[in-house]
Amino acid sequence: MSRAILVLVSMFVLACLSPALAASQKAEELRKANALTEFSPPDAFLAGYFLADEMEPSALFGPVADFVKSLKCPTTWLIEEGDKARIAIPANSGTPMEYSLYLEADRPEGVTYYVFVDQSALTPQQWIEWRKQFHKSKAEGEYGATKDRLEKAVAEGMKIGGELRFILKNGELSSGKTPEAVLRDDLAFAPSFDLKQGVKLSK
């Protein structure tokens, strides 16, 4: 085997054995400022589909794992340190808890957080019951149609992982568009299920 081939093989082996690329300085600064730590989301969340408009969602996207792959840049899942400690303690009520997960996309032009809420343990009914804690009697009127559409999606075999609530760029809220519009228009990430029509979509 020639020296050149040996060098190439050695470089390949070293690359395979090396740890993942370290986060950029900007990413490290944002993690520290927001008290975020690395986290491995539940498989049910990663395999599930997600909403991307809290008030008037028109579609389900995903699965979550497919969205991560579509970004084509270094990514890391993060969670707030307080939430990590909270979910480690079993809930007394027996009702699954929601918590935020930050998908960090670390690019040369900056750091983007896609902020999800893990709802993989919730049924559509539990989904709306959780909202009643915050929206009281308005919850049924504001979210009732979405609950019915989610039940239809579940009946069609769509497993719900959660919601993409908002997008942060370098620590600031992205302006103008809902996350659903960003997925469709800016990232060309097509939906998987039309909630209004109640049908699966081919990509």
Protein backbone atom coordinates (compact mmCIF):
# COMPACT_ATOMS: atom_id res chain seq x y z
CA MET A 1 0.00 0.00 0.00
CA SER A 2 1.45 3.38 -0.98
CA ARG A 3 2.31 6.06 1.56
CA ALA A 4 -0.41 8.36 0.15
CA ILE A 5 -3.11 5.71 0.63
CA LEU A 6 -1.90 5.01 4.17
CA VAL A 7 -2.14 8.72 5.02
CA LEU A 8 -5.69 8.92 3.64
CA VAL A 9 -6.78 5.82 5.56
CA SER A 10 -5.29 7.23 8.77
CA MET A 11 -7.09 10.53 8.31
CA PHE A 12 -10.38 8.72 7.72
CA VAL A 13 -9.98 6.63 10.89
CA LEU A 14 -9.13 9.69 12.96
CA ALA A 15 -12.17 11.54 11.62
CA CYS A 16 -14.45 8.64 12.55
CA LEU A 17 -13.04 8.42 16.05
CA SER A 18 -13.01 12.16 16.74
CA PRO A 19 -15.80 13.71 18.82
CA ALA A 20 -18.44 15.89 17.17
CA LEU A 21 -17.39 19.40 16.19
CA ALA A 22 -17.32 21.74 19.15
CA ALA A 23 -19.96 24.45 19.32
CA SER A 24 -18.96 27.85 18.00
CA GLN A 25 -18.13 30.67 20.40
CA LYS A 26 -21.48 32.34 19.65
CA ALA A 27 -23.33 29.09 20.39
CA GLU A 28 -21.49 28.68 23.69
CA GLU A 29 -22.30 32.26 24.67
CA LEU A 30 -26.00 31.80 23.95
CA ARG A 31 -26.13 28.52 25.86
CA LYS A 32 -24.61 30.19 28.90
CA ALA A 33 -26.84 33.26 28.67
CA ASN A 34 -29.99 31.12 28.48
CA ALA A 35 -28.91 28.44 30.99
CA LEU A 36 -29.19 25.71 28.36
CA THR A 37 -27.61 22.29 28.53
CA GLU A 38 -27.40 19.39 26.08
CA PHE A 39 -30.26 16.90 26.13
CA SER A 40 -31.39 13.76 24.33
CA PRO A 41 -35.11 14.10 23.44
CA PRO A 42 -37.43 11.09 23.77
CA ASP A 43 -37.62 8.83 20.73
CA ALA A 44 -41.38 9.42 20.57
CA PHE A 45 -40.76 13.15 20.14
CA LEU A 46 -38.15 12.69 17.40
CA ALA A 47 -40.35 10.20 15.54
CA GLY A 48 -43.46 12.35 15.87
CA TYR A 49 -44.96 15.06 13.68
CA PHE A 50 -45.32 18.64 14.82
CA LEU A 51 -47.44 21.77 14.57
CA ALA A 52 -45.76 25.04 13.63
CA ASP A 53 -48.48 27.61 14.34
CA GLU A 54 -49.88 27.71 17.86
CA MET A 55 -53.09 29.61 17.07
CA GLU A 56 -54.19 28.52 13.58
CA PRO A 57 -52.13 25.53 12.41
CA SER A 58 -52.97 24.31 8.93
CA ALA A 59 -50.63 21.33 8.76
CA LEU A 60 -48.44 18.81 10.52
CA PHE A 61 -44.76 18.72 9.59
CA GLY A 62 -42.12 16.11 10.18
CA PRO A 63 -41.22 13.81 11.62
CA VAL A 64 -39.03 15.95 13.88
CA ALA A 65 -35.96 13.83 13.06
CA ASP A 66 -36.49 14.54 9.35
CA PHE A 67 -36.59 18.27 10.01
CA VAL A 68 -33.27 18.05 11.87
CA LYS A 69 -31.66 16.27 8.92
CA SER A 70 -33.03 18.84 6.48
CA LEU A 71 -31.05 21.66 8.12
CA LYS A 72 -27.74 20.30 6.82
CA CYS A 73 -25.61 22.00 9.46
CA PRO A 74 -24.28 21.11 12.94
CA THR A 75 -27.24 20.72 15.31
CA THR A 76 -27.59 20.07 19.03
CA TRP A 77 -30.65 19.52 21.21
CA LEU A 78 -30.70 21.70 24.32
CA ILE A 79 -33.00 22.15 27.31
CA GLU A 80 -33.24 24.74 30.07
CA GLU A 81 -31.40 23.51 33.13
CA GLY A 82 -34.47 24.11 35.31
CA ASP A 83 -36.70 22.04 33.02
CA LYS A 84 -34.18 19.21 32.94
CA ALA A 85 -34.29 19.04 36.74
CA ARG A 86 -38.10 19.36 36.80
CA ILE A 87 -38.86 16.53 34.39
CA ALA A 88 -36.49 14.24 36.26
CA ILE A 89 -39.03 14.23 39.11
CA PRO A 90 -42.22 12.22 38.37
CA ALA A 91 -45.35 14.40 38.31
CA ASN A 92 -47.81 13.75 41.14
CA SER A 93 -50.88 14.43 38.99
CA GLY A 94 -50.08 11.73 36.48
CA THR A 95 -50.62 14.25 33.67
CA PRO A 96 -47.70 14.41 31.21
CA MET A 97 -45.75 17.66 31.33
CA GLU A 98 -44.87 19.97 28.47
CA TYR A 99 -41.36 21.37 28.30
CA SER A 100 -39.34 23.32 25.76
CA LEU A 101 -36.56 21.84 23.66
CA TYR A 102 -34.15 24.03 21.72
CA LEU A 103 -32.80 22.73 18.44
CA GLU A 104 -29.56 24.65 17.97
CA ALA A 105 -28.47 25.16 14.36
CA ASP A 106 -24.90 26.42 14.44
CA ARG A 107 -24.01 28.11 11.15
CA PRO A 108 -21.15 30.47 10.17
CA GLU A 109 -23.64 33.34 9.77
CA GLY A 110 -25.08 32.81 13.25
CA VAL A 111 -26.97 30.55 15.63
CA THR A 112 -30.65 29.72 15.20
CA TYR A 113 -32.81 28.12 17.87
CA TYR A 114 -35.90 26.23 16.73
CA VAL A 115 -37.85 26.12 19.98
CA PHE A 116 -40.13 23.10 20.26
CA VAL A 117 -42.47 21.90 22.97
CA ASP A 118 -42.37 18.16 23.60
CA GLN A 119 -45.96 16.88 23.59
CA SER A 120 -45.24 13.31 22.60
CA ALA A 121 -46.90 11.97 25.76
CA LEU A 122 -50.11 13.99 25.31
CA THR A 123 -53.34 12.91 23.65
CA PRO A 124 -55.30 15.63 21.76
CA GLN A 125 -57.64 15.87 24.77
CA GLN A 126 -54.72 16.31 27.17
CA TRP A 127 -53.30 18.86 24.72
CA ILE A 128 -56.34 21.11 25.14
CA GLU A 129 -56.66 20.39 28.87
CA TRP A 130 -53.11 21.72 29.31
CA ARG A 131 -54.11 24.94 27.53
CA LYS A 132 -57.07 25.40 29.85
CA GLN A 133 -54.59 26.01 32.66
CA PHE A 134 -53.49 29.19 30.89
CA HIS A 135 -56.45 30.24 28.72
CA LYS A 136 -59.28 29.10 31.06
CA SER A 137 -62.71 29.17 29.38
CA LYS A 138 -61.27 30.60 26.15
CA ALA A 139 -59.27 27.44 25.44
CA GLU A 140 -62.15 25.46 23.90
CA GLY A 141 -63.06 28.31 21.58
CA GLU A 142 -59.49 29.10 20.56
CA TYR A 143 -58.16 25.54 20.26
CA GLY A 144 -61.22 23.31 19.95
CA ALA A 145 -61.04 23.06 16.15
CA THR A 146 -57.34 22.17 16.32
CA LYS A 147 -58.05 19.43 18.88
CA ASP A 148 -60.66 17.90 16.56
CA ARG A 149 -58.26 18.05 13.62
CA LEU A 150 -55.47 16.48 15.67
CA GLU A 151 -57.79 13.63 16.63
CA LYS A 152 -58.50 13.10 12.93
CA ALA A 153 -54.74 13.10 12.19
CA VAL A 154 -54.08 10.58 14.97
CA ALA A 155 -56.84 8.37 13.57
CA GLU A 156 -55.03 8.52 10.22
CA GLY A 157 -51.85 7.21 11.84
CA MET A 158 -50.02 10.50 12.48
CA LYS A 159 -48.16 10.42 15.80
CA ILE A 160 -47.87 13.87 17.35
CA GLY A 161 -44.46 14.80 18.75
CA GLY A 162 -45.00 18.43 19.66
CA GLU A 163 -45.05 22.01 18.44
CA LEU A 164 -42.49 24.35 16.95
CA ARG A 165 -43.45 27.45 18.95
CA PHE A 166 -40.96 30.06 17.76
CA ILE A 167 -37.60 30.66 16.12
CA LEU A 168 -34.71 32.66 17.57
CA LYS A 169 -31.82 34.00 15.52
CA ASN A 170 -28.76 34.96 17.54
CA GLY A 171 -30.99 35.20 20.59
CA GLU A 172 -33.68 37.40 19.00
CA LEU A 173 -37.16 36.42 17.83
CA SER A 174 -37.34 36.12 14.06
CA SER A 175 -39.74 38.74 12.80
CA GLY A 176 -42.78 38.78 10.60
CA LYS A 177 -43.56 35.13 9.90
CA THR A 178 -45.01 32.26 11.88
CA PRO A 179 -42.78 29.19 12.18
CA GLU A 180 -45.16 27.45 9.76
CA ALA A 181 -44.50 30.14 7.13
CA VAL A 182 -40.75 29.90 7.71
CA LEU A 183 -40.83 26.14 7.15
CA ARG A 184 -42.82 26.46 3.94
CA ASP A 185 -41.27 29.58 2.41
CA ASP A 186 -37.73 29.93 3.74
CA LEU A 187 -36.69 26.33 4.40
CA ALA A 188 -38.81 24.62 1.73
CA PHE A 189 -39.74 21.94 4.29
CA ALA A 190 -43.03 20.55 3.05
CA PRO A 191 -45.87 19.56 5.41
CA SER A 192 -46.86 15.93 5.87
CA PHE A 193 -50.55 16.26 6.77
CA ASP A 194 -53.17 18.85 5.84
CA LEU A 195 -55.12 19.48 9.04
CA LYS A 196 -57.95 21.38 7.37
CA GLN A 197 -58.52 18.73 4.71
CA GLY A 198 -57.70 15.84 7.03
CA VAL A 199 -55.41 14.09 4.57
CA LYS A 200 -51.81 12.94 4.34
CA LEU A 201 -49.61 14.79 1.87
CA SER A 202 -46.93 13.33 -0.37
CA LYS A 203 -43.56 15.07 -0.41
